[in-house]
Amino acid sequence: MDRRNSLEITAKILQIAEKGALRSHIAFEAKLNYKCLKNYLDVLEKRGLITSDGNPGNKVRTTQKGRLFAQQYRNLLQLLGQEQDK
């Protein structure tokens, strides 16, 4: 398995959270441990790419800015002739 960079992980998290997702679901789908996921979510929320009220049982959602980031990332991959993991 290839190592992923932070952009790949960020794009995956944003994709999963697009319709709203629990942190546990994001961790499972993005193949991250909870501590690593929490670090990513903290950074993404500070940058305005996701929204969450911070309660463990509530869903994380990708913001409009986050959707734009994810779309631009997909466009870049397409330009480079690569595909994003689904």
N, C-alpha and C. Protein backbone atom coordinates (compact mmCIF):
# COMPACT_ATOMS: atom_id res chain seq x y z
N MET A 1 0.84 -1.17 0.00
CA MET A 1 0.00 0.00 0.00
C MET A 1 0.89 1.25 0.00
N ASP A 2 0.57 2.18 -0.87
CA ASP A 2 1.33 3.42 -0.96
C ASP A 2 0.98 4.32 0.20
N ARG A 3 1.97 5.09 0.61
CA ARG A 3 1.74 6.09 1.66
C ARG A 3 0.96 7.25 1.05
N ARG A 4 0.08 7.81 1.83
CA ARG A 4 -0.72 8.94 1.36
C ARG A 4 -0.16 10.23 1.93
N ASN A 5 -0.30 11.29 1.15
CA ASN A 5 0.13 12.59 1.67
C ASN A 5 -1.07 13.30 2.29
N SER A 6 -0.79 14.42 2.92
CA SER A 6 -1.86 15.12 3.64
C SER A 6 -2.95 15.64 2.72
N LEU A 7 -2.61 16.00 1.48
CA LEU A 7 -3.64 16.45 0.54
C LEU A 7 -4.61 15.32 0.19
N GLU A 8 -4.08 14.13 -0.01
CA GLU A 8 -4.93 12.98 -0.31
C GLU A 8 -5.87 12.67 0.86
N ILE A 9 -5.32 12.71 2.05
CA ILE A 9 -6.12 12.42 3.24
C ILE A 9 -7.18 13.50 3.43
N THR A 10 -6.80 14.76 3.25
CA THR A 10 -7.74 15.86 3.37
C THR A 10 -8.88 15.71 2.38
N ALA A 11 -8.55 15.43 1.12
CA ALA A 11 -9.57 15.28 0.09
C ALA A 11 -10.51 14.12 0.41
N LYS A 12 -9.98 13.04 0.95
CA LYS A 12 -10.80 11.88 1.32
C LYS A 12 -11.76 12.24 2.45
N ILE A 13 -11.27 12.93 3.46
CA ILE A 13 -12.12 13.35 4.58
C ILE A 13 -13.24 14.24 4.07
N LEU A 14 -12.90 15.21 3.22
CA LEU A 14 -13.91 16.12 2.68
C LEU A 14 -14.95 15.39 1.85
N GLN A 15 -14.50 14.40 1.10
CA GLN A 15 -15.43 13.59 0.29
C GLN A 15 -16.39 12.82 1.19
N ILE A 16 -15.89 12.20 2.21
CA ILE A 16 -16.72 11.41 3.12
C ILE A 16 -17.72 12.28 3.85
N ALA A 17 -17.30 13.47 4.27
CA ALA A 17 -18.13 14.36 5.08
C ALA A 17 -19.07 15.23 4.25
N GLU A 18 -19.07 15.06 2.94
CA GLU A 18 -19.86 15.94 2.08
C GLU A 18 -21.34 15.96 2.45
N LYS A 19 -21.91 14.82 2.79
CA LYS A 19 -23.33 14.76 3.15
C LYS A 19 -23.52 14.66 4.66
N GLY A 20 -22.43 14.80 5.39
CA GLY A 20 -22.47 14.68 6.84
C GLY A 20 -22.12 13.27 7.25
N ALA A 21 -21.19 13.13 8.17
CA ALA A 21 -20.76 11.81 8.61
C ALA A 21 -20.25 11.88 10.05
N LEU A 22 -20.47 10.80 10.77
CA LEU A 22 -19.93 10.69 12.12
C LEU A 22 -18.42 10.52 12.06
N ARG A 23 -17.75 10.96 13.10
CA ARG A 23 -16.29 10.85 13.15
C ARG A 23 -15.83 9.41 12.99
N SER A 24 -16.54 8.48 13.61
CA SER A 24 -16.16 7.06 13.52
C SER A 24 -16.26 6.56 12.08
N HIS A 25 -17.27 7.02 11.36
CA HIS A 25 -17.43 6.63 9.96
C HIS A 25 -16.28 7.21 9.12
N ILE A 26 -15.94 8.46 9.37
CA ILE A 26 -14.84 9.09 8.64
C ILE A 26 -13.53 8.36 8.91
N ALA A 27 -13.27 8.04 10.18
CA ALA A 27 -12.05 7.33 10.55
C ALA A 27 -11.96 5.99 9.82
N PHE A 28 -13.07 5.26 9.78
CA PHE A 28 -13.08 3.96 9.13
C PHE A 28 -12.87 4.09 7.63
N GLU A 29 -13.63 4.97 6.99
CA GLU A 29 -13.56 5.13 5.53
C GLU A 29 -12.22 5.71 5.07
N ALA A 30 -11.66 6.62 5.85
CA ALA A 30 -10.39 7.25 5.48
C ALA A 30 -9.18 6.44 5.96
N LYS A 31 -9.45 5.37 6.70
CA LYS A 31 -8.40 4.49 7.22
C LYS A 31 -7.41 5.26 8.10
N LEU A 32 -7.98 5.98 9.07
CA LEU A 32 -7.18 6.76 10.01
C LEU A 32 -7.51 6.35 11.43
N ASN A 33 -6.53 6.40 12.32
CA ASN A 33 -6.87 6.18 13.71
C ASN A 33 -7.50 7.46 14.25
N TYR A 34 -8.16 7.35 15.38
CA TYR A 34 -8.96 8.48 15.88
C TYR A 34 -8.09 9.69 16.22
N LYS A 35 -6.91 9.47 16.77
CA LYS A 35 -6.03 10.58 17.13
C LYS A 35 -5.60 11.36 15.88
N CYS A 36 -5.23 10.65 14.85
CA CYS A 36 -4.82 11.28 13.60
C CYS A 36 -6.02 12.01 12.97
N LEU A 37 -7.18 11.37 12.99
CA LEU A 37 -8.39 12.00 12.45
C LEU A 37 -8.70 13.29 13.19
N LYS A 38 -8.60 13.26 14.50
CA LYS A 38 -8.90 14.46 15.29
C LYS A 38 -7.99 15.61 14.90
N ASN A 39 -6.71 15.33 14.68
CA ASN A 39 -5.78 16.37 14.24
C ASN A 39 -6.21 16.96 12.90
N TYR A 40 -6.56 16.10 11.96
CA TYR A 40 -7.02 16.58 10.65
C TYR A 40 -8.29 17.41 10.79
N LEU A 41 -9.25 16.91 11.56
CA LEU A 41 -10.52 17.63 11.70
C LEU A 41 -10.31 19.00 12.35
N ASP A 42 -9.43 19.08 13.32
CA ASP A 42 -9.14 20.37 13.96
C ASP A 42 -8.60 21.37 12.94
N VAL A 43 -7.65 20.93 12.12
CA VAL A 43 -7.05 21.82 11.12
C VAL A 43 -8.09 22.20 10.06
N LEU A 44 -8.85 21.23 9.58
CA LEU A 44 -9.85 21.51 8.54
C LEU A 44 -10.92 22.46 9.04
N GLU A 45 -11.30 22.32 10.30
CA GLU A 45 -12.32 23.22 10.85
C GLU A 45 -11.76 24.64 11.00
N LYS A 46 -10.53 24.75 11.44
CA LYS A 46 -9.90 26.07 11.58
C LYS A 46 -9.77 26.78 10.24
N ARG A 47 -9.59 25.99 9.18
CA ARG A 47 -9.45 26.56 7.83
C ARG A 47 -10.80 26.75 7.13
N GLY A 48 -11.88 26.37 7.79
CA GLY A 48 -13.21 26.58 7.23
C GLY A 48 -13.62 25.57 6.18
N LEU A 49 -12.97 24.40 6.14
CA LEU A 49 -13.29 23.38 5.15
C LEU A 49 -14.36 22.40 5.62
N ILE A 50 -14.52 22.29 6.94
CA ILE A 50 -15.58 21.47 7.51
C ILE A 50 -16.25 22.25 8.63
N THR A 51 -17.39 21.76 9.03
CA THR A 51 -18.09 22.35 10.17
C THR A 51 -18.55 21.22 11.09
N SER A 52 -18.53 21.53 12.37
CA SER A 52 -18.93 20.57 13.39
C SER A 52 -19.14 21.34 14.68
N ASP A 53 -20.05 20.87 15.51
CA ASP A 53 -20.24 21.59 16.78
C ASP A 53 -19.35 21.03 17.89
N GLY A 54 -18.53 20.04 17.54
CA GLY A 54 -17.57 19.52 18.51
C GLY A 54 -18.07 18.37 19.37
N ASN A 55 -19.36 18.09 19.36
CA ASN A 55 -19.88 16.98 20.14
C ASN A 55 -19.59 15.66 19.42
N PRO A 56 -19.14 14.64 20.15
CA PRO A 56 -18.78 13.37 19.53
C PRO A 56 -19.90 12.72 18.71
N GLY A 57 -21.15 12.87 19.11
CA GLY A 57 -22.24 12.21 18.41
C GLY A 57 -22.78 12.96 17.20
N ASN A 58 -22.30 14.17 16.97
CA ASN A 58 -22.83 14.97 15.87
C ASN A 58 -21.98 14.82 14.62
N LYS A 59 -22.60 15.09 13.49
CA LYS A 59 -21.95 14.88 12.21
C LYS A 59 -21.01 16.01 11.83
N VAL A 60 -19.99 15.62 11.11
CA VAL A 60 -19.06 16.56 10.50
C VAL A 60 -19.54 16.77 9.07
N ARG A 61 -19.56 18.02 8.62
CA ARG A 61 -20.02 18.33 7.27
C ARG A 61 -18.98 19.17 6.54
N THR A 62 -18.84 18.89 5.25
CA THR A 62 -17.97 19.68 4.40
C THR A 62 -18.67 20.99 4.07
N THR A 63 -17.95 22.09 4.19
CA THR A 63 -18.51 23.41 3.87
C THR A 63 -18.40 23.66 2.36
N GLN A 64 -18.97 24.76 1.92
CA GLN A 64 -18.85 25.13 0.51
C GLN A 64 -17.38 25.30 0.13
N LYS A 65 -16.61 25.92 1.00
CA LYS A 65 -15.17 26.09 0.76
C LYS A 65 -14.48 24.72 0.66
N GLY A 66 -14.90 23.77 1.50
CA GLY A 66 -14.35 22.42 1.47
C GLY A 66 -14.71 21.69 0.18
N ARG A 67 -15.95 21.88 -0.29
CA ARG A 67 -16.36 21.26 -1.55
C ARG A 67 -15.55 21.82 -2.72
N LEU A 68 -15.30 23.12 -2.68
CA LEU A 68 -14.48 23.75 -3.72
C LEU A 68 -13.06 23.18 -3.69
N PHE A 69 -12.49 23.02 -2.50
CA PHE A 69 -11.16 22.44 -2.37
C PHE A 69 -11.13 21.03 -2.97
N ALA A 70 -12.12 20.21 -2.61
CA ALA A 70 -12.18 18.83 -3.09
C ALA A 70 -12.33 18.79 -4.61
N GLN A 71 -13.13 19.68 -5.16
CA GLN A 71 -13.32 19.73 -6.62
C GLN A 71 -12.02 20.13 -7.31
N GLN A 72 -11.34 21.12 -6.77
CA GLN A 72 -10.06 21.56 -7.35
C GLN A 72 -9.02 20.44 -7.27
N TYR A 73 -9.04 19.68 -6.18
CA TYR A 73 -8.12 18.56 -6.03
C TYR A 73 -8.41 17.49 -7.10
N ARG A 74 -9.69 17.19 -7.32
CA ARG A 74 -10.06 16.22 -8.36
C ARG A 74 -9.64 16.72 -9.74
N ASN A 75 -9.83 18.02 -9.99
CA ASN A 75 -9.42 18.61 -11.28
C ASN A 75 -7.92 18.47 -11.49
N LEU A 76 -7.15 18.71 -10.44
CA LEU A 76 -5.70 18.58 -10.52
C LEU A 76 -5.30 17.14 -10.83
N LEU A 77 -5.91 16.19 -10.16
CA LEU A 77 -5.61 14.78 -10.43
C LEU A 77 -5.94 14.42 -11.87
N GLN A 78 -7.07 14.91 -12.34
CA GLN A 78 -7.48 14.64 -13.72
C GLN A 78 -6.47 15.25 -14.70
N LEU A 79 -6.02 16.46 -14.43
CA LEU A 79 -5.03 17.13 -15.26
C LEU A 79 -3.73 16.33 -15.31
N LEU A 80 -3.38 15.72 -14.19
CA LEU A 80 -2.15 14.93 -14.10
C LEU A 80 -2.33 13.50 -14.61
N GLY A 81 -3.58 13.16 -14.97
CA GLY A 81 -3.85 11.81 -15.48
C GLY A 81 -3.94 10.76 -14.39
N GLN A 82 -4.29 11.18 -13.19
CA GLN A 82 -4.44 10.26 -12.07
C GLN A 82 -5.88 10.23 -11.64
N GLU A 83 -6.23 9.21 -10.88
CA GLU A 83 -7.59 9.10 -10.35
C GLU A 83 -7.53 9.07 -8.83
N GLN A 84 -8.56 9.65 -8.22
CA GLN A 84 -8.68 9.61 -6.77
C GLN A 84 -9.34 8.29 -6.39
N ASP A 85 -8.87 7.70 -5.27
CA ASP A 85 -9.50 6.47 -4.77
C ASP A 85 -10.95 6.79 -4.41
N LYS A 86 -11.82 5.87 -4.72
CA LYS A 86 -13.25 6.06 -4.40
C LYS A 86 -13.58 5.44 -3.10
